[in-house]
């Protein structure tokens, strides 16, 4: 009896069947939340090499633990200066009093970004362009303004300078 107990159900015996089943369950739970080192390196290596990381902010990004882990990784390794938010959906409201993005039911700010910035960051807001025919985007003034803001952030060129260049280029090429 004692041998059967020790081999089968003794939780203090790490070699017992019950201990191995318990260990396997714990390992399985951990595996659901883990990825291989090779996969994580495949994800982070391009971010390490990039001058900027563009973060597409949407409901999916808000809910994705992986997007938030990638954002946290970038903040840890690059700081917030190299993160360029592009808002695709949801609310995006800076709360100056608390120095973070406002919370709400329809927040488009991934949790990893919510309190990451000391002041409101420069971002591109493409929410108004949902449903616009991609062929018409180059003629869309709102799209050009947002693209100019994105270009300013990435190149370090003042928004006003890029906007003036865009206006000359648009008129020269009769884009409307």
N, C-alpha and C. Protein backbone atom coordinates (compact mmCIF):
# COMPACT_ATOMS: atom_id res chain seq x y z
N UNK A 1 0.82 -1.20 0.00
CA UNK A 1 0.00 0.00 0.00
C UNK A 1 0.86 1.25 0.00
N UNK A 2 1.86 1.25 0.87
CA UNK A 2 2.71 2.43 0.97
C UNK A 2 3.44 2.69 -0.34
N UNK A 3 3.90 1.67 -1.02
CA UNK A 3 4.58 1.83 -2.30
C UNK A 3 3.62 2.42 -3.33
N UNK A 4 2.39 1.89 -3.36
CA UNK A 4 1.39 2.43 -4.30
C UNK A 4 1.09 3.90 -4.01
N UNK A 5 0.95 4.24 -2.73
CA UNK A 5 0.72 5.62 -2.35
C UNK A 5 1.88 6.51 -2.81
N UNK A 6 3.11 6.08 -2.50
CA UNK A 6 4.31 6.86 -2.84
C UNK A 6 4.44 7.06 -4.34
N UNK A 7 4.20 6.03 -5.12
CA UNK A 7 4.34 6.11 -6.58
C UNK A 7 3.14 6.80 -7.22
N UNK A 8 1.96 6.62 -6.66
CA UNK A 8 0.76 7.14 -7.31
C UNK A 8 0.30 8.50 -6.87
N UNK A 9 0.12 8.72 -5.57
CA UNK A 9 -0.56 9.95 -5.14
C UNK A 9 0.16 10.77 -4.08
N UNK A 10 1.41 10.52 -3.81
CA UNK A 10 2.17 11.29 -2.82
C UNK A 10 2.61 12.61 -3.47
N UNK A 11 1.95 13.70 -3.07
CA UNK A 11 2.27 15.01 -3.66
C UNK A 11 3.64 15.54 -3.26
N UNK A 12 4.22 14.97 -2.21
CA UNK A 12 5.56 15.40 -1.79
C UNK A 12 6.66 14.65 -2.53
N UNK A 13 6.28 13.63 -3.27
CA UNK A 13 7.23 12.87 -4.09
C UNK A 13 7.18 13.44 -5.50
N UNK A 14 8.24 14.12 -5.91
CA UNK A 14 8.24 14.75 -7.24
C UNK A 14 8.15 13.74 -8.38
N UNK A 15 8.39 12.47 -8.11
CA UNK A 15 8.31 11.44 -9.14
C UNK A 15 6.97 10.71 -9.17
N UNK A 16 6.05 11.06 -8.27
CA UNK A 16 4.76 10.37 -8.24
C UNK A 16 3.92 10.76 -9.46
N UNK A 17 2.97 9.92 -9.77
CA UNK A 17 2.11 10.18 -10.93
C UNK A 17 1.36 11.49 -10.74
N UNK A 18 0.78 11.72 -9.57
CA UNK A 18 0.02 12.94 -9.32
C UNK A 18 0.91 14.19 -9.43
N UNK A 19 2.13 14.12 -8.94
CA UNK A 19 3.05 15.26 -9.05
C UNK A 19 3.39 15.55 -10.51
N UNK A 20 3.57 14.50 -11.30
CA UNK A 20 3.88 14.69 -12.71
C UNK A 20 2.69 15.27 -13.48
N UNK A 21 1.48 14.81 -13.15
CA UNK A 21 0.28 15.36 -13.80
C UNK A 21 0.13 16.84 -13.43
N UNK A 22 0.30 17.16 -12.15
CA UNK A 22 0.22 18.56 -11.70
C UNK A 22 1.26 19.41 -12.41
N UNK A 23 2.47 18.92 -12.49
CA UNK A 23 3.55 19.65 -13.16
C UNK A 23 3.24 19.85 -14.65
N UNK A 24 2.72 18.82 -15.28
CA UNK A 24 2.37 18.92 -16.71
C UNK A 24 1.29 19.97 -16.93
N UNK A 25 0.28 20.00 -16.05
CA UNK A 25 -0.79 21.01 -16.16
C UNK A 25 -0.22 22.42 -16.01
N UNK A 26 0.65 22.63 -15.03
CA UNK A 26 1.25 23.95 -14.82
C UNK A 26 2.10 24.35 -16.02
N UNK A 27 2.84 23.42 -16.57
CA UNK A 27 3.66 23.70 -17.75
C UNK A 27 2.79 24.04 -18.95
N UNK A 28 1.67 23.34 -19.11
CA UNK A 28 0.76 23.61 -20.22
C UNK A 28 0.16 25.01 -20.10
N UNK A 29 -0.21 25.41 -18.88
CA UNK A 29 -0.75 26.76 -18.68
C UNK A 29 0.30 27.80 -19.04
N UNK A 30 1.53 27.57 -18.64
CA UNK A 30 2.61 28.51 -18.94
C UNK A 30 2.91 28.57 -20.42
N UNK A 31 2.81 27.46 -21.11
CA UNK A 31 3.12 27.41 -22.55
C UNK A 31 2.14 28.23 -23.36
N UNK A 32 0.89 28.32 -22.88
CA UNK A 32 -0.10 29.12 -23.61
C UNK A 32 0.31 30.59 -23.65
N UNK A 33 1.00 31.05 -22.63
CA UNK A 33 1.38 32.45 -22.54
C UNK A 33 2.82 32.70 -22.97
N UNK A 34 3.50 31.68 -23.43
CA UNK A 34 4.91 31.81 -23.79
C UNK A 34 5.11 31.51 -25.27
N UNK A 35 6.16 32.08 -25.81
CA UNK A 35 6.57 31.74 -27.16
C UNK A 35 8.04 31.36 -27.10
N UNK A 36 8.50 30.74 -28.14
CA UNK A 36 9.90 30.31 -28.13
C UNK A 36 10.82 31.52 -28.20
N UNK A 37 12.01 31.32 -27.72
CA UNK A 37 13.04 32.37 -27.79
C UNK A 37 13.30 32.75 -29.23
N UNK A 38 13.33 31.77 -30.12
CA UNK A 38 13.57 32.05 -31.54
C UNK A 38 12.48 32.95 -32.13
N UNK A 39 11.22 32.67 -31.78
CA UNK A 39 10.13 33.49 -32.30
C UNK A 39 10.20 34.91 -31.74
N UNK A 40 10.46 35.04 -30.43
CA UNK A 40 10.56 36.37 -29.83
C UNK A 40 11.71 37.16 -30.47
N UNK A 41 12.83 36.52 -30.73
CA UNK A 41 13.95 37.19 -31.39
C UNK A 41 13.58 37.58 -32.82
N UNK A 42 12.80 36.74 -33.49
CA UNK A 42 12.35 37.08 -34.85
C UNK A 42 11.43 38.30 -34.83
N UNK A 43 10.70 38.48 -33.76
CA UNK A 43 9.82 39.64 -33.62
C UNK A 43 10.62 40.88 -33.23
N UNK A 44 11.52 40.75 -32.26
CA UNK A 44 12.22 41.92 -31.73
C UNK A 44 13.41 42.38 -32.56
N UNK A 45 14.04 41.48 -33.30
CA UNK A 45 15.22 41.86 -34.08
C UNK A 45 14.92 43.00 -35.07
N UNK A 46 13.85 42.92 -35.86
CA UNK A 46 13.56 44.06 -36.75
C UNK A 46 13.28 45.35 -35.97
N UNK A 47 12.64 45.23 -34.80
CA UNK A 47 12.38 46.43 -34.00
C UNK A 47 13.69 47.03 -33.49
N UNK A 48 14.63 46.17 -33.12
CA UNK A 48 15.93 46.65 -32.65
C UNK A 48 16.66 47.41 -33.76
N UNK A 49 16.53 46.96 -34.98
CA UNK A 49 17.24 47.57 -36.11
C UNK A 49 16.55 48.82 -36.65
N UNK A 50 15.25 48.95 -36.41
CA UNK A 50 14.47 50.06 -36.96
C UNK A 50 14.78 51.37 -36.24
N UNK A 51 14.80 52.46 -36.99
CA UNK A 51 14.94 53.78 -36.37
C UNK A 51 13.65 54.15 -35.64
N UNK A 52 12.51 53.78 -36.22
CA UNK A 52 11.20 54.07 -35.64
C UNK A 52 10.33 52.83 -35.73
N UNK A 53 9.41 52.72 -34.81
CA UNK A 53 8.44 51.65 -34.83
C UNK A 53 7.06 52.31 -34.90
N UNK A 54 6.34 52.04 -35.97
CA UNK A 54 5.00 52.59 -36.15
C UNK A 54 4.01 51.64 -35.47
N UNK A 55 3.22 52.20 -34.57
CA UNK A 55 2.23 51.41 -33.82
C UNK A 55 0.85 51.73 -34.37
N UNK A 56 0.21 50.74 -34.98
CA UNK A 56 -1.15 50.91 -35.49
C UNK A 56 -2.11 50.69 -34.33
N UNK A 57 -2.76 51.76 -33.89
CA UNK A 57 -3.61 51.72 -32.70
C UNK A 57 -5.06 51.47 -33.10
N UNK A 58 -5.56 50.34 -32.64
CA UNK A 58 -6.92 49.91 -32.97
C UNK A 58 -7.47 49.09 -31.81
N UNK A 59 -8.71 48.69 -31.93
CA UNK A 59 -9.29 47.82 -30.92
C UNK A 59 -8.51 46.53 -30.79
N UNK A 60 -8.05 46.02 -31.92
CA UNK A 60 -7.26 44.79 -31.89
C UNK A 60 -5.96 45.01 -31.11
N UNK A 61 -5.29 46.12 -31.36
CA UNK A 61 -4.04 46.40 -30.65
C UNK A 61 -4.27 46.56 -29.15
N UNK A 62 -5.40 47.17 -28.79
CA UNK A 62 -5.72 47.35 -27.38
C UNK A 62 -5.88 45.99 -26.70
N UNK A 63 -6.53 45.05 -27.37
CA UNK A 63 -6.82 43.74 -26.78
C UNK A 63 -5.67 42.73 -26.91
N UNK A 64 -4.71 42.99 -27.79
CA UNK A 64 -3.66 42.02 -28.05
C UNK A 64 -2.54 42.09 -27.02
N UNK A 65 -2.34 40.99 -26.30
CA UNK A 65 -1.24 40.97 -25.33
C UNK A 65 0.09 41.04 -26.06
N UNK A 66 0.15 40.49 -27.28
CA UNK A 66 1.42 40.49 -28.02
C UNK A 66 1.78 41.89 -28.50
N UNK A 67 0.80 42.63 -29.01
CA UNK A 67 1.08 44.02 -29.43
C UNK A 67 1.57 44.81 -28.23
N UNK A 68 0.92 44.63 -27.08
CA UNK A 68 1.32 45.37 -25.89
C UNK A 68 2.70 44.94 -25.40
N UNK A 69 3.04 43.66 -25.53
CA UNK A 69 4.39 43.21 -25.16
C UNK A 69 5.44 43.83 -26.10
N UNK A 70 5.10 43.91 -27.39
CA UNK A 70 6.04 44.52 -28.34
C UNK A 70 6.22 46.00 -28.05
N UNK A 71 5.13 46.69 -27.73
CA UNK A 71 5.22 48.11 -27.38
C UNK A 71 6.07 48.27 -26.12
N UNK A 72 5.82 47.46 -25.11
CA UNK A 72 6.60 47.53 -23.86
C UNK A 72 8.08 47.28 -24.14
N UNK A 73 8.36 46.32 -25.02
CA UNK A 73 9.75 46.03 -25.39
C UNK A 73 10.39 47.26 -26.04
N UNK A 74 9.68 47.89 -26.96
CA UNK A 74 10.22 49.09 -27.63
C UNK A 74 10.46 50.22 -26.66
N UNK A 75 9.52 50.42 -25.73
CA UNK A 75 9.69 51.48 -24.73
C UNK A 75 10.91 51.19 -23.87
N UNK A 76 11.08 49.93 -23.50
CA UNK A 76 12.21 49.53 -22.65
C UNK A 76 13.54 49.70 -23.38
N UNK A 77 13.59 49.38 -24.67
CA UNK A 77 14.86 49.40 -25.39
C UNK A 77 15.12 50.70 -26.16
N UNK A 78 14.06 51.40 -26.58
CA UNK A 78 14.23 52.60 -27.38
C UNK A 78 13.67 53.87 -26.74
N UNK A 79 12.81 53.71 -25.76
CA UNK A 79 12.10 54.85 -25.21
C UNK A 79 10.91 55.17 -26.10
N UNK A 80 10.19 56.22 -25.76
CA UNK A 80 8.99 56.56 -26.53
C UNK A 80 9.27 57.42 -27.75
N UNK A 81 10.46 58.01 -27.84
CA UNK A 81 10.77 58.88 -28.98
C UNK A 81 10.75 58.14 -30.31
N UNK A 82 11.01 56.85 -30.30
CA UNK A 82 11.05 56.09 -31.55
C UNK A 82 9.74 55.36 -31.84
N UNK A 83 8.72 55.55 -31.00
CA UNK A 83 7.40 54.97 -31.25
C UNK A 83 6.54 56.02 -31.95
N UNK A 84 5.93 55.63 -33.05
CA UNK A 84 5.10 56.55 -33.82
C UNK A 84 3.67 55.98 -33.88
N UNK A 85 2.77 56.52 -33.04
CA UNK A 85 1.40 56.02 -33.05
C UNK A 85 0.62 56.49 -34.27
N UNK A 86 -0.13 55.57 -34.86
CA UNK A 86 -1.06 55.87 -35.95
C UNK A 86 -2.42 55.34 -35.48
N UNK A 87 -3.36 56.26 -35.27
CA UNK A 87 -4.66 55.90 -34.72
C UNK A 87 -5.59 55.47 -35.85
N UNK A 88 -6.10 54.25 -35.75
CA UNK A 88 -7.01 53.72 -36.76
C UNK A 88 -8.46 53.68 -36.28
N UNK A 89 -8.66 53.49 -34.97
CA UNK A 89 -10.02 53.45 -34.43
C UNK A 89 -9.99 53.65 -32.92
N UNK A 90 -11.16 53.96 -32.38
CA UNK A 90 -11.30 54.15 -30.94
C UNK A 90 -11.02 55.58 -30.52
N UNK A 91 -11.27 55.86 -29.25
CA UNK A 91 -11.01 57.22 -28.74
C UNK A 91 -9.53 57.37 -28.44
N UNK A 92 -9.06 58.58 -28.59
CA UNK A 92 -7.65 58.90 -28.40
C UNK A 92 -7.61 60.30 -27.80
N UNK A 93 -7.75 60.37 -26.50
CA UNK A 93 -7.88 61.65 -25.81
C UNK A 93 -6.79 61.80 -24.77
N UNK A 94 -5.98 62.85 -24.88
CA UNK A 94 -4.91 63.10 -23.93
C UNK A 94 -5.49 63.78 -22.69
N UNK A 95 -5.18 63.27 -21.52
CA UNK A 95 -5.60 63.83 -20.25
C UNK A 95 -4.40 64.58 -19.68
N UNK A 96 -4.34 65.90 -19.96
CA UNK A 96 -3.19 66.71 -19.55
C UNK A 96 -3.04 66.77 -18.04
N UNK A 97 -4.14 66.76 -17.32
CA UNK A 97 -4.09 66.84 -15.86
C UNK A 97 -3.38 65.64 -15.25
N UNK A 98 -3.61 64.46 -15.82
CA UNK A 98 -2.99 63.24 -15.30
C UNK A 98 -1.78 62.78 -16.10
N UNK A 99 -1.47 63.46 -17.20
CA UNK A 99 -0.29 63.12 -18.00
C UNK A 99 -0.37 61.74 -18.62
N UNK A 100 -1.54 61.40 -19.16
CA UNK A 100 -1.72 60.10 -19.80
C UNK A 100 -2.95 60.16 -20.69
N UNK A 101 -3.18 59.11 -21.45
CA UNK A 101 -4.37 59.06 -22.27
C UNK A 101 -5.57 58.73 -21.41
N UNK A 102 -6.70 59.34 -21.74
CA UNK A 102 -7.93 59.11 -20.98
C UNK A 102 -8.44 57.69 -21.21
N UNK A 103 -9.05 57.15 -20.18
CA UNK A 103 -9.64 55.81 -20.27
C UNK A 103 -11.09 55.94 -20.70
N UNK A 104 -11.64 54.87 -21.21
CA UNK A 104 -13.04 54.86 -21.61
C UNK A 104 -13.40 53.53 -22.24
N UNK A 105 -14.67 53.41 -22.61
CA UNK A 105 -15.15 52.15 -23.19
C UNK A 105 -14.60 51.90 -24.58
N UNK A 106 -14.35 52.96 -25.34
CA UNK A 106 -13.95 52.80 -26.73
C UNK A 106 -12.52 53.29 -26.95
N UNK A 107 -11.65 53.00 -26.00
CA UNK A 107 -10.28 53.50 -26.07
C UNK A 107 -9.50 52.81 -27.18
N UNK A 108 -8.80 53.59 -27.98
CA UNK A 108 -7.97 53.04 -29.05
C UNK A 108 -6.50 53.03 -28.69
N UNK A 109 -6.20 53.34 -27.44
CA UNK A 109 -4.82 53.41 -26.98
C UNK A 109 -4.44 52.07 -26.34
N UNK A 110 -3.46 51.38 -26.90
CA UNK A 110 -3.02 50.14 -26.26
C UNK A 110 -2.55 50.43 -24.83
N UNK A 111 -2.88 49.56 -23.88
CA UNK A 111 -2.51 49.81 -22.48
C UNK A 111 -1.02 50.11 -22.27
N UNK A 112 -0.16 49.50 -23.05
CA UNK A 112 1.28 49.74 -22.89
C UNK A 112 1.66 51.18 -23.25
N UNK A 113 0.82 51.88 -24.02
CA UNK A 113 1.09 53.28 -24.38
C UNK A 113 0.39 54.28 -23.47
N UNK A 114 -0.64 53.84 -22.76
CA UNK A 114 -1.53 54.75 -22.03
C UNK A 114 -0.79 55.76 -21.15
N UNK A 115 0.17 55.32 -20.38
CA UNK A 115 0.90 56.22 -19.49
C UNK A 115 2.37 56.33 -19.83
N UNK A 116 2.73 55.97 -21.05
CA UNK A 116 4.15 55.89 -21.41
C UNK A 116 4.78 57.25 -21.75
N UNK A 117 3.98 58.21 -22.17
CA UNK A 117 4.53 59.49 -22.62
C UNK A 117 4.45 60.55 -21.52
N UNK A 118 5.49 61.38 -21.40
CA UNK A 118 5.44 62.46 -20.41
C UNK A 118 4.52 63.60 -20.86
N UNK A 119 4.38 63.79 -22.17
CA UNK A 119 3.48 64.80 -22.75
C UNK A 119 2.79 64.16 -23.95
N UNK A 120 1.74 64.80 -24.43
CA UNK A 120 1.00 64.24 -25.56
C UNK A 120 1.92 64.06 -26.76
N UNK A 121 2.00 62.86 -27.30
CA UNK A 121 2.89 62.62 -28.44
C UNK A 121 2.29 63.11 -29.75
N UNK A 122 3.16 63.36 -30.71
CA UNK A 122 2.71 63.64 -32.07
C UNK A 122 2.29 62.30 -32.66
N UNK A 123 1.11 62.25 -33.21
CA UNK A 123 0.59 61.01 -33.78
C UNK A 123 -0.19 61.32 -35.04
N UNK A 124 -0.43 60.32 -35.83
CA UNK A 124 -1.26 60.46 -37.02
C UNK A 124 -2.61 59.82 -36.74
N UNK A 125 -3.67 60.55 -37.09
CA UNK A 125 -5.03 60.09 -36.83
C UNK A 125 -5.72 59.78 -38.15
N UNK A 126 -5.89 58.50 -38.42
CA UNK A 126 -6.50 58.07 -39.68
C UNK A 126 -7.93 57.57 -39.50
N UNK A 127 -8.53 57.83 -38.34
CA UNK A 127 -9.89 57.35 -38.08
C UNK A 127 -10.90 57.88 -39.08
N UNK A 128 -10.75 59.12 -39.50
CA UNK A 128 -11.73 59.71 -40.42
C UNK A 128 -11.65 59.13 -41.83
N UNK A 129 -10.63 58.36 -42.09
CA UNK A 129 -10.42 57.83 -43.45
C UNK A 129 -10.96 56.42 -43.65
N UNK A 130 -11.60 55.88 -42.63
CA UNK A 130 -12.21 54.56 -42.78
C UNK A 130 -13.26 54.63 -43.89
N UNK A 131 -13.19 53.71 -44.80
CA UNK A 131 -14.16 53.66 -45.88
C UNK A 131 -13.78 54.49 -47.10
N UNK A 132 -12.71 55.29 -47.02
CA UNK A 132 -12.27 56.07 -48.18
C UNK A 132 -11.61 55.11 -49.17
N UNK A 133 -11.96 55.27 -50.42
CA UNK A 133 -11.38 54.44 -51.48
C UNK A 133 -9.87 54.68 -51.51
N UNK A 134 -9.07 53.62 -51.37
CA UNK A 134 -7.61 53.78 -51.37
C UNK A 134 -7.08 54.54 -52.59
N UNK A 135 -7.77 54.44 -53.71
CA UNK A 135 -7.34 55.15 -54.93
C UNK A 135 -7.49 56.66 -54.77
N UNK A 136 -8.35 57.08 -53.85
CA UNK A 136 -8.61 58.50 -53.64
C UNK A 136 -7.79 59.11 -52.50
N UNK A 137 -7.04 58.29 -51.80
CA UNK A 137 -6.30 58.80 -50.64
C UNK A 137 -5.34 59.91 -50.99
N UNK A 138 -4.64 59.81 -52.10
CA UNK A 138 -3.66 60.86 -52.43
C UNK A 138 -4.33 62.21 -52.64
N UNK A 139 -5.62 62.23 -52.96
CA UNK A 139 -6.36 63.48 -53.13
C UNK A 139 -7.01 63.96 -51.83
N UNK A 140 -7.04 63.10 -50.83
CA UNK A 140 -7.73 63.41 -49.58
C UNK A 140 -6.85 64.30 -48.71
N UNK A 141 -7.36 65.49 -48.41
CA UNK A 141 -6.58 66.46 -47.62
C UNK A 141 -6.25 65.93 -46.23
N UNK A 142 -7.23 65.30 -45.58
CA UNK A 142 -7.00 64.77 -44.23
C UNK A 142 -5.88 63.73 -44.24
N UNK A 143 -5.86 62.89 -45.25
CA UNK A 143 -4.82 61.87 -45.36
C UNK A 143 -3.45 62.53 -45.54
N UNK A 144 -3.37 63.57 -46.39
CA UNK A 144 -2.09 64.25 -46.62
C UNK A 144 -1.60 64.94 -45.35
N UNK A 145 -2.51 65.51 -44.58
CA UNK A 145 -2.12 66.16 -43.33
C UNK A 145 -1.55 65.12 -42.36
N UNK A 146 -2.24 64.01 -42.23
CA UNK A 146 -1.77 62.97 -41.31
C UNK A 146 -0.47 62.34 -41.78
N UNK A 147 -0.33 62.16 -43.07
CA UNK A 147 0.92 61.63 -43.63
C UNK A 147 2.06 62.62 -43.40
N UNK A 148 1.77 63.90 -43.48
CA UNK A 148 2.76 64.94 -43.21
C UNK A 148 3.22 64.88 -41.75
N UNK A 149 2.27 64.69 -40.83
CA UNK A 149 2.63 64.56 -39.41
C UNK A 149 3.50 63.33 -39.17
N UNK A 150 3.14 62.24 -39.82
CA UNK A 150 3.92 61.01 -39.69
C UNK A 150 5.33 61.23 -40.26
N UNK A 151 5.39 61.84 -41.44
CA UNK A 151 6.69 62.13 -42.07
C UNK A 151 7.54 63.05 -41.21
N UNK A 152 6.91 64.01 -40.56
CA UNK A 152 7.64 64.93 -39.69
C UNK A 152 8.27 64.18 -38.53
N UNK A 153 7.51 63.31 -37.95
CA UNK A 153 8.01 62.54 -36.81
C UNK A 153 9.20 61.66 -37.19
N UNK A 154 9.10 61.04 -38.36
CA UNK A 154 10.14 60.10 -38.79
C UNK A 154 11.38 60.80 -39.32
N UNK A 155 11.20 61.92 -40.02
CA UNK A 155 12.36 62.59 -40.62
C UNK A 155 12.94 63.70 -39.75
N UNK A 156 12.15 64.18 -38.78
CA UNK A 156 12.62 65.29 -37.96
C UNK A 156 12.43 66.64 -38.64
N UNK A 157 11.76 66.65 -39.77
CA UNK A 157 11.47 67.88 -40.51
C UNK A 157 10.20 68.50 -39.93
N UNK A 158 10.19 69.82 -39.70
CA UNK A 158 8.98 70.45 -39.16
C UNK A 158 7.75 70.18 -40.03
N UNK A 159 6.61 69.99 -39.38
CA UNK A 159 5.35 69.71 -40.08
C UNK A 159 5.07 70.80 -41.12
N UNK A 160 5.27 72.06 -40.75
CA UNK A 160 4.98 73.17 -41.65
C UNK A 160 5.80 73.09 -42.93
N UNK A 161 7.06 72.70 -42.80
CA UNK A 161 7.94 72.58 -43.97
C UNK A 161 7.45 71.45 -44.89
N UNK A 162 7.11 70.31 -44.31
CA UNK A 162 6.60 69.21 -45.13
C UNK A 162 5.25 69.55 -45.76
N UNK A 163 4.40 70.28 -45.02
CA UNK A 163 3.10 70.68 -45.56
C UNK A 163 3.28 71.62 -46.75
N UNK A 164 4.23 72.53 -46.66
CA UNK A 164 4.50 73.45 -47.78
C UNK A 164 5.01 72.66 -48.98
N UNK A 165 5.89 71.72 -48.75
CA UNK A 165 6.40 70.88 -49.84
C UNK A 165 5.26 70.08 -50.46
N UNK A 166 4.38 69.53 -49.63
CA UNK A 166 3.25 68.76 -50.13
C UNK A 166 2.34 69.64 -51.00
N UNK A 167 2.11 70.87 -50.57
CA UNK A 167 1.23 71.77 -51.34
C UNK A 167 1.83 72.06 -52.71
N UNK A 168 3.12 72.35 -52.75
CA UNK A 168 3.78 72.61 -54.03
C UNK A 168 3.72 71.37 -54.91
N UNK A 169 4.01 70.23 -54.34
CA UNK A 169 4.01 68.97 -55.09
C UNK A 169 2.59 68.64 -55.59
N UNK A 170 1.58 68.88 -54.75
CA UNK A 170 0.20 68.59 -55.13
C UNK A 170 -0.23 69.48 -56.29
N UNK A 171 0.07 70.78 -56.22
CA UNK A 171 -0.32 71.71 -57.27
C UNK A 171 0.45 71.39 -58.56
N UNK A 172 1.73 71.12 -58.44
CA UNK A 172 2.56 70.79 -59.60
C UNK A 172 2.04 69.54 -60.32
N UNK A 173 1.58 68.58 -59.56
CA UNK A 173 1.10 67.33 -60.16
C UNK A 173 -0.41 67.27 -60.30
N UNK A 174 -1.08 68.40 -59.99
CA UNK A 174 -2.54 68.52 -60.15
C UNK A 174 -3.28 67.35 -59.49
N UNK A 175 -2.98 67.11 -58.22
CA UNK A 175 -3.63 66.03 -57.49
C UNK A 175 -4.97 66.45 -56.91
N UNK A 176 -5.28 67.74 -57.01
CA UNK A 176 -6.59 68.17 -56.51
C UNK A 176 -6.60 68.67 -55.13
